[in-house]
Amino acid sequence: MKMNEIIIFPTDTIYGIGTGIYNTEGIKRIYEIKGRDYTKPMAVLCANLKQVEEFAILTKEARLLAKQFWPGGLTLVLNTQEKYYKKTFEKTIGVRIPNHHQALELLIKYGPMKTTSVNMAGEEPLNDYLVIKERYENIVDKIYDNEISIAEVSSTVVNLTNNKPFIIREGSITINDINEVLKSL
């Protein structure tokens, strides 16, 4: 895979469709493939904290939640580094480190990827490899089969861009789990 390609790959939650973080043409193609509103942001998957720190600002809350739940089903919405903002004009970004060896191998080899769920906008995410292959094999550059079972539940999303953490979506990690960790601050 080259980072200007679009791929579909398994994660620890649901299958993702993604491309290199700075591949503007690929990102645009993903929005078109999904029929997704351009105002809805895509998340970034990373292999490790070093990759995250290249473009996002990790607050003490973010570091605490990352230590507890990464790799895993938690997406943190963070403020971006100035250098990332200058390239993308994105002030905030959702970031996650998946707990899935295939996804991590791709992220280590090719770097952070802009990703979203595999589905048409407004529909439930697809998580069956054969269905995904049938619908997308002539649209994307590569589809990776899943070697292990995955959760089939989207990640929990927590916004940490303001003073108070805000849970946008409860997924594989519960609100109580998040609140328990944040209590220690």
C-alpha atoms as a PDB file:
ATOM      1  CA  MET A   1       0.000   0.000   0.000  1.00  0.00           C
ATOM      2  CA  LYS A   2       1.080   3.536  -0.700  1.00  0.00           C
ATOM      3  CA  MET A   3      -0.310   6.314   1.437  1.00  0.00           C
ATOM      4  CA  ASN A   4      -2.127   7.811  -1.545  1.00  0.00           C
ATOM      5  CA  GLU A   5      -4.216   4.662  -1.819  1.00  0.00           C
ATOM      6  CA  ILE A   6      -7.548   3.998  -0.153  1.00  0.00           C
ATOM      7  CA  ILE A   7      -7.779   0.783   1.830  1.00  0.00           C
ATOM      8  CA  ILE A   8     -10.348  -1.048   3.922  1.00  0.00           C
ATOM      9  CA  PHE A   9      -8.987  -2.847   6.947  1.00  0.00           C
ATOM     10  CA  PRO A  10     -10.164  -4.415  10.207  1.00  0.00           C
ATOM     11  CA  THR A  11      -9.682  -2.785  13.595  1.00  0.00           C
ATOM     12  CA  ASP A  12     -10.593  -3.864  17.105  1.00  0.00           C
ATOM     13  CA  THR A  13     -14.000  -2.210  16.798  1.00  0.00           C
ATOM     14  CA  ILE A  14     -15.298  -2.144  13.211  1.00  0.00           C
ATOM     15  CA  TYR A  15     -13.786  -2.182   9.717  1.00  0.00           C
ATOM     16  CA  GLY A  16     -12.366   1.144   8.608  1.00  0.00           C
ATOM     17  CA  ILE A  17     -11.829   2.813   5.257  1.00  0.00           C
ATOM     18  CA  GLY A  18      -8.761   5.002   5.249  1.00  0.00           C
ATOM     19  CA  THR A  19      -5.859   6.725   3.567  1.00  0.00           C
ATOM     20  CA  GLY A  20      -2.756   8.677   4.497  1.00  0.00           C
ATOM     21  CA  ILE A  21      -3.343  11.579   6.855  1.00  0.00           C
ATOM     22  CA  TYR A  22      -2.210  14.193   4.301  1.00  0.00           C
ATOM     23  CA  ASN A  23      -3.670  12.531   1.186  1.00  0.00           C
ATOM     24  CA  THR A  24      -6.240  15.211   0.353  1.00  0.00           C
ATOM     25  CA  GLU A  25      -7.352  13.500  -2.867  1.00  0.00           C
ATOM     26  CA  GLY A  26      -7.808  10.175  -1.086  1.00  0.00           C
ATOM     27  CA  ILE A  27      -9.712  11.813   1.759  1.00  0.00           C
ATOM     28  CA  LYS A  28     -11.985  13.533  -0.767  1.00  0.00           C
ATOM     29  CA  ARG A  29     -12.562  10.176  -2.509  1.00  0.00           C
ATOM     30  CA  ILE A  30     -13.593   8.558   0.789  1.00  0.00           C
ATOM     31  CA  TYR A  31     -16.191  11.286   1.353  1.00  0.00           C
ATOM     32  CA  GLU A  32     -17.482  10.704  -2.185  1.00  0.00           C
ATOM     33  CA  ILE A  33     -17.526   6.899  -1.834  1.00  0.00           C
ATOM     34  CA  LYS A  34     -19.571   7.152   1.369  1.00  0.00           C
ATOM     35  CA  GLY A  35     -21.760  10.067   0.285  1.00  0.00           C
ATOM     36  CA  ARG A  36     -20.587  11.682   3.519  1.00  0.00           C
ATOM     37  CA  ASP A  37     -21.111  15.339   4.390  1.00  0.00           C
ATOM     38  CA  TYR A  38     -17.769  17.173   4.197  1.00  0.00           C
ATOM     39  CA  THR A  39     -18.547  18.919   7.488  1.00  0.00           C
ATOM     40  CA  LYS A  40     -18.390  15.567   9.314  1.00  0.00           C
ATOM     41  CA  PRO A  41     -14.763  14.989  10.286  1.00  0.00           C
ATOM     42  CA  MET A  42     -12.867  11.740   9.891  1.00  0.00           C
ATOM     43  CA  ALA A  43     -10.791  10.312  12.734  1.00  0.00           C
ATOM     44  CA  VAL A  44      -7.103   9.447  12.599  1.00  0.00           C
ATOM     45  CA  LEU A  45      -5.780   6.045  13.603  1.00  0.00           C
ATOM     46  CA  CYS A  46      -2.212   5.892  14.894  1.00  0.00           C
ATOM     47  CA  ALA A  47       0.168   3.123  15.937  1.00  0.00           C
ATOM     48  CA  ASN A  48       1.525   4.841  19.054  1.00  0.00           C
ATOM     49  CA  LEU A  49       1.640   8.042  21.113  1.00  0.00           C
ATOM     50  CA  LYS A  50       4.637   9.322  19.167  1.00  0.00           C
ATOM     51  CA  GLN A  51       2.515   9.396  16.007  1.00  0.00           C
ATOM     52  CA  VAL A  52      -0.325  11.127  17.877  1.00  0.00           C
ATOM     53  CA  GLU A  53       2.006  13.823  19.199  1.00  0.00           C
ATOM     54  CA  GLU A  54       3.087  14.693  15.647  1.00  0.00           C
ATOM     55  CA  PHE A  55      -0.247  16.430  15.030  1.00  0.00           C
ATOM     56  CA  ALA A  56      -2.301  16.549  18.254  1.00  0.00           C
ATOM     57  CA  ILE A  57      -1.875  18.177  21.664  1.00  0.00           C
ATOM     58  CA  LEU A  58      -2.073  15.658  24.504  1.00  0.00           C
ATOM     59  CA  THR A  59      -3.449  17.209  27.685  1.00  0.00           C
ATOM     60  CA  LYS A  60      -3.109  15.525  31.086  1.00  0.00           C
ATOM     61  CA  GLU A  61      -6.668  14.176  30.681  1.00  0.00           C
ATOM     62  CA  ALA A  62      -5.789  12.810  27.254  1.00  0.00           C
ATOM     63  CA  ARG A  63      -2.617  11.145  28.543  1.00  0.00           C
ATOM     64  CA  LEU A  64      -4.503   9.581  31.444  1.00  0.00           C
ATOM     65  CA  LEU A  65      -7.268   8.183  29.219  1.00  0.00           C
ATOM     66  CA  ALA A  66      -4.721   7.049  26.614  1.00  0.00           C
ATOM     67  CA  LYS A  67      -2.703   5.224  29.265  1.00  0.00           C
ATOM     68  CA  GLN A  68      -5.828   3.430  30.489  1.00  0.00           C
ATOM     69  CA  PHE A  69      -7.613   2.657  27.204  1.00  0.00           C
ATOM     70  CA  TRP A  70      -5.066   2.676  24.355  1.00  0.00           C
ATOM     71  CA  PRO A  71      -4.656   0.626  22.406  1.00  0.00           C
ATOM     72  CA  GLY A  72      -8.400   0.153  22.350  1.00  0.00           C
ATOM     73  CA  GLY A  73     -11.857   1.435  21.540  1.00  0.00           C
ATOM     74  CA  LEU A  74     -11.485   5.058  22.631  1.00  0.00           C
ATOM     75  CA  THR A  75     -11.341   8.017  20.248  1.00  0.00           C
ATOM     76  CA  LEU A  76     -10.108  11.259  21.798  1.00  0.00           C
ATOM     77  CA  VAL A  77     -10.999  14.565  20.152  1.00  0.00           C
ATOM     78  CA  LEU A  78      -7.963  16.782  20.685  1.00  0.00           C
ATOM     79  CA  ASN A  79      -6.709  20.200  19.655  1.00  0.00           C
ATOM     80  CA  THR A  80      -4.199  20.005  16.821  1.00  0.00           C
ATOM     81  CA  GLN A  81      -0.585  21.096  16.689  1.00  0.00           C
ATOM     82  CA  GLU A  82       0.017  24.349  14.799  1.00  0.00           C
ATOM     83  CA  LYS A  83       2.032  22.591  12.063  1.00  0.00           C
ATOM     84  CA  TYR A  84      -0.877  20.205  11.395  1.00  0.00           C
ATOM     85  CA  TYR A  85      -3.371  23.072  11.364  1.00  0.00           C
ATOM     86  CA  LYS A  86      -1.265  24.932   8.785  1.00  0.00           C
ATOM     87  CA  LYS A  87      -1.428  21.910   6.445  1.00  0.00           C
ATOM     88  CA  THR A  88      -5.061  20.931   6.983  1.00  0.00           C
ATOM     89  CA  PHE A  89      -6.868  23.898   8.591  1.00  0.00           C
ATOM     90  CA  GLU A  90      -8.270  21.462  11.168  1.00  0.00           C
ATOM     91  CA  LYS A  91      -8.252  22.871  14.711  1.00  0.00           C
ATOM     92  CA  THR A  92      -9.402  19.621  16.319  1.00  0.00           C
ATOM     93  CA  ILE A  93      -9.073  15.958  15.429  1.00  0.00           C
ATOM     94  CA  GLY A  94     -10.356  12.610  16.671  1.00  0.00           C
ATOM     95  CA  VAL A  95      -7.520  10.184  17.367  1.00  0.00           C
ATOM     96  CA  ARG A  96      -7.380   6.508  18.297  1.00  0.00           C
ATOM     97  CA  ILE A  97      -4.827   3.731  18.673  1.00  0.00           C
ATOM     98  CA  PRO A  98      -6.557   0.443  17.795  1.00  0.00           C
ATOM     99  CA  ASN A  99      -5.917  -2.802  19.654  1.00  0.00           C
ATOM    100  CA  HIS A 100      -5.658  -4.904  16.512  1.00  0.00           C
ATOM    101  CA  HIS A 101      -2.401  -6.340  15.176  1.00  0.00           C
ATOM    102  CA  GLN A 102      -3.236  -5.962  11.466  1.00  0.00           C
ATOM    103  CA  ALA A 103      -4.268  -2.330  11.868  1.00  0.00           C
ATOM    104  CA  LEU A 104      -1.208  -1.576  14.003  1.00  0.00           C
ATOM    105  CA  GLU A 105       1.111  -3.195  11.447  1.00  0.00           C
ATOM    106  CA  LEU A 106      -0.317  -0.970   8.701  1.00  0.00           C
ATOM    107  CA  LEU A 107      -0.049   2.132  10.900  1.00  0.00           C
ATOM    108  CA  ILE A 108       3.550   1.349  11.862  1.00  0.00           C
ATOM    109  CA  LYS A 109       4.517   0.737   8.246  1.00  0.00           C
ATOM    110  CA  TYR A 110       2.648   3.627   6.598  1.00  0.00           C
ATOM    111  CA  GLY A 111       1.959   6.118   9.365  1.00  0.00           C
ATOM    112  CA  PRO A 112      -1.264   7.670  10.673  1.00  0.00           C
ATOM    113  CA  MET A 113      -4.403   7.244   8.557  1.00  0.00           C
ATOM    114  CA  LYS A 114      -7.568   9.274   8.209  1.00  0.00           C
ATOM    115  CA  THR A 115     -10.357   6.750   8.663  1.00  0.00           C
ATOM    116  CA  THR A 116     -14.068   6.287   9.032  1.00  0.00           C
ATOM    117  CA  SER A 117     -16.476   3.358   9.132  1.00  0.00           C
ATOM    118  CA  VAL A 118     -17.221   1.289   6.030  1.00  0.00           C
ATOM    119  CA  ASN A 119     -20.766   2.215   5.041  1.00  0.00           C
ATOM    120  CA  MET A 120     -22.794   4.725   3.125  1.00  0.00           C
ATOM    121  CA  ALA A 121     -23.559   7.854   5.141  1.00  0.00           C
ATOM    122  CA  GLY A 122     -26.514   7.267   7.459  1.00  0.00           C
ATOM    123  CA  GLU A 123     -26.341   3.464   7.258  1.00  0.00           C
ATOM    124  CA  GLU A 124     -25.030   0.987   9.811  1.00  0.00           C
ATOM    125  CA  PRO A 125     -21.318   0.142   9.482  1.00  0.00           C
ATOM    126  CA  LEU A 126     -20.500  -2.977   7.490  1.00  0.00           C
ATOM    127  CA  ASN A 127     -18.441  -5.541   9.345  1.00  0.00           C
ATOM    128  CA  ASP A 128     -18.671  -8.638   7.163  1.00  0.00           C
ATOM    129  CA  TYR A 129     -15.584  -9.093   4.971  1.00  0.00           C
ATOM    130  CA  LEU A 130     -17.463 -10.822   2.127  1.00  0.00           C
ATOM    131  CA  VAL A 131     -20.135  -8.108   1.972  1.00  0.00           C
ATOM    132  CA  ILE A 132     -17.464  -5.403   2.103  1.00  0.00           C
ATOM    133  CA  LYS A 133     -15.447  -7.121  -0.639  1.00  0.00           C
ATOM    134  CA  GLU A 134     -18.498  -7.473  -2.865  1.00  0.00           C
ATOM    135  CA  ARG A 135     -19.449  -3.789  -2.518  1.00  0.00           C
ATOM    136  CA  TYR A 136     -16.029  -2.131  -2.494  1.00  0.00           C
ATOM    137  CA  GLU A 137     -13.420  -4.279  -4.289  1.00  0.00           C
ATOM    138  CA  ASN A 138     -13.676  -2.240  -7.495  1.00  0.00           C
ATOM    139  CA  ILE A 139     -13.803   1.086  -5.634  1.00  0.00           C
ATOM    140  CA  VAL A 140     -10.850   0.970  -3.215  1.00  0.00           C
ATOM    141  CA  ASP A 141      -7.234  -0.051  -3.774  1.00  0.00           C
ATOM    142  CA  LYS A 142      -7.053  -2.910  -1.243  1.00  0.00           C
ATOM    143  CA  ILE A 143      -9.269  -4.723   1.252  1.00  0.00           C
ATOM    144  CA  TYR A 144      -7.648  -6.579   4.138  1.00  0.00           C
ATOM    145  CA  ASP A 145      -9.450  -9.647   5.471  1.00  0.00           C
ATOM    146  CA  ASN A 146      -9.779  -9.931   9.221  1.00  0.00           C
ATOM    147  CA  GLU A 147      -7.723 -12.690  10.807  1.00  0.00           C
ATOM    148  CA  ILE A 148      -9.475 -12.460  14.188  1.00  0.00           C
ATOM    149  CA  SER A 149     -12.971 -11.607  15.364  1.00  0.00           C
ATOM    150  CA  ILE A 150     -13.675  -7.975  16.164  1.00  0.00           C
ATOM    151  CA  ALA A 151     -16.070  -6.266  18.544  1.00  0.00           C
ATOM    152  CA  GLU A 152     -18.542  -4.875  15.980  1.00  0.00           C
ATOM    153  CA  VAL A 153     -19.112  -1.873  18.256  1.00  0.00           C
ATOM    154  CA  SER A 154     -17.895   1.607  17.388  1.00  0.00           C
ATOM    155  CA  SER A 155     -15.369   3.345  19.594  1.00  0.00           C
ATOM    156  CA  THR A 156     -16.333   5.648  22.438  1.00  0.00           C
ATOM    157  CA  VAL A 157     -15.644   9.285  21.521  1.00  0.00           C
ATOM    158  CA  VAL A 158     -14.571  11.831  24.163  1.00  0.00           C
ATOM    159  CA  ASN A 159     -14.019  15.503  23.335  1.00  0.00           C
ATOM    160  CA  LEU A 160     -11.081  16.960  25.286  1.00  0.00           C
ATOM    161  CA  THR A 161     -10.758  20.250  23.388  1.00  0.00           C
ATOM    162  CA  ASN A 162     -12.341  22.356  26.130  1.00  0.00           C
ATOM    163  CA  ASN A 163     -11.891  22.566  29.884  1.00  0.00           C
ATOM    164  CA  LYS A 164     -14.445  19.853  30.617  1.00  0.00           C
ATOM    165  CA  PRO A 165     -14.347  16.418  28.935  1.00  0.00           C
ATOM    166  CA  PHE A 166     -17.515  15.721  26.963  1.00  0.00           C
ATOM    167  CA  ILE A 167     -18.619  12.256  25.826  1.00  0.00           C
ATOM    168  CA  ILE A 168     -19.876  12.477  22.248  1.00  0.00           C
ATOM    169  CA  ARG A 169     -20.658   8.778  21.734  1.00  0.00           C
ATOM    170  CA  GLU A 170     -20.661   5.792  24.026  1.00  0.00           C
ATOM    171  CA  GLY A 171     -19.300   2.696  22.343  1.00  0.00           C
ATOM    172  CA  SER A 172     -17.064  -0.143  23.439  1.00  0.00           C
ATOM    173  CA  ILE A 173     -15.901   1.775  26.549  1.00  0.00           C
ATOM    174  CA  THR A 174     -18.653   2.965  28.888  1.00  0.00           C
ATOM    175  CA  ILE A 175     -19.239   6.463  30.228  1.00  0.00           C
ATOM    176  CA  ASN A 176     -18.697   5.057  33.732  1.00  0.00           C
ATOM    177  CA  ASP A 177     -15.285   3.690  32.675  1.00  0.00           C
ATOM    178  CA  ILE A 178     -14.285   7.149  31.415  1.00  0.00           C
ATOM    179  CA  ASN A 179     -15.572   8.944  34.503  1.00  0.00           C
ATOM    180  CA  GLU A 180     -13.769   6.524  36.846  1.00  0.00           C
ATOM    181  CA  VAL A 181     -10.429   7.246  35.199  1.00  0.00           C
ATOM    182  CA  LEU A 182     -10.987  11.012  35.108  1.00  0.00           C
ATOM    183  CA  LYS A 183     -11.914  11.050  38.823  1.00  0.00           C
ATOM    184  CA  SER A 184      -8.261  10.462  39.662  1.00  0.00           C
ATOM    185  CA  LEU A 185      -7.280  13.930  38.361  1.00  0.00           C
END
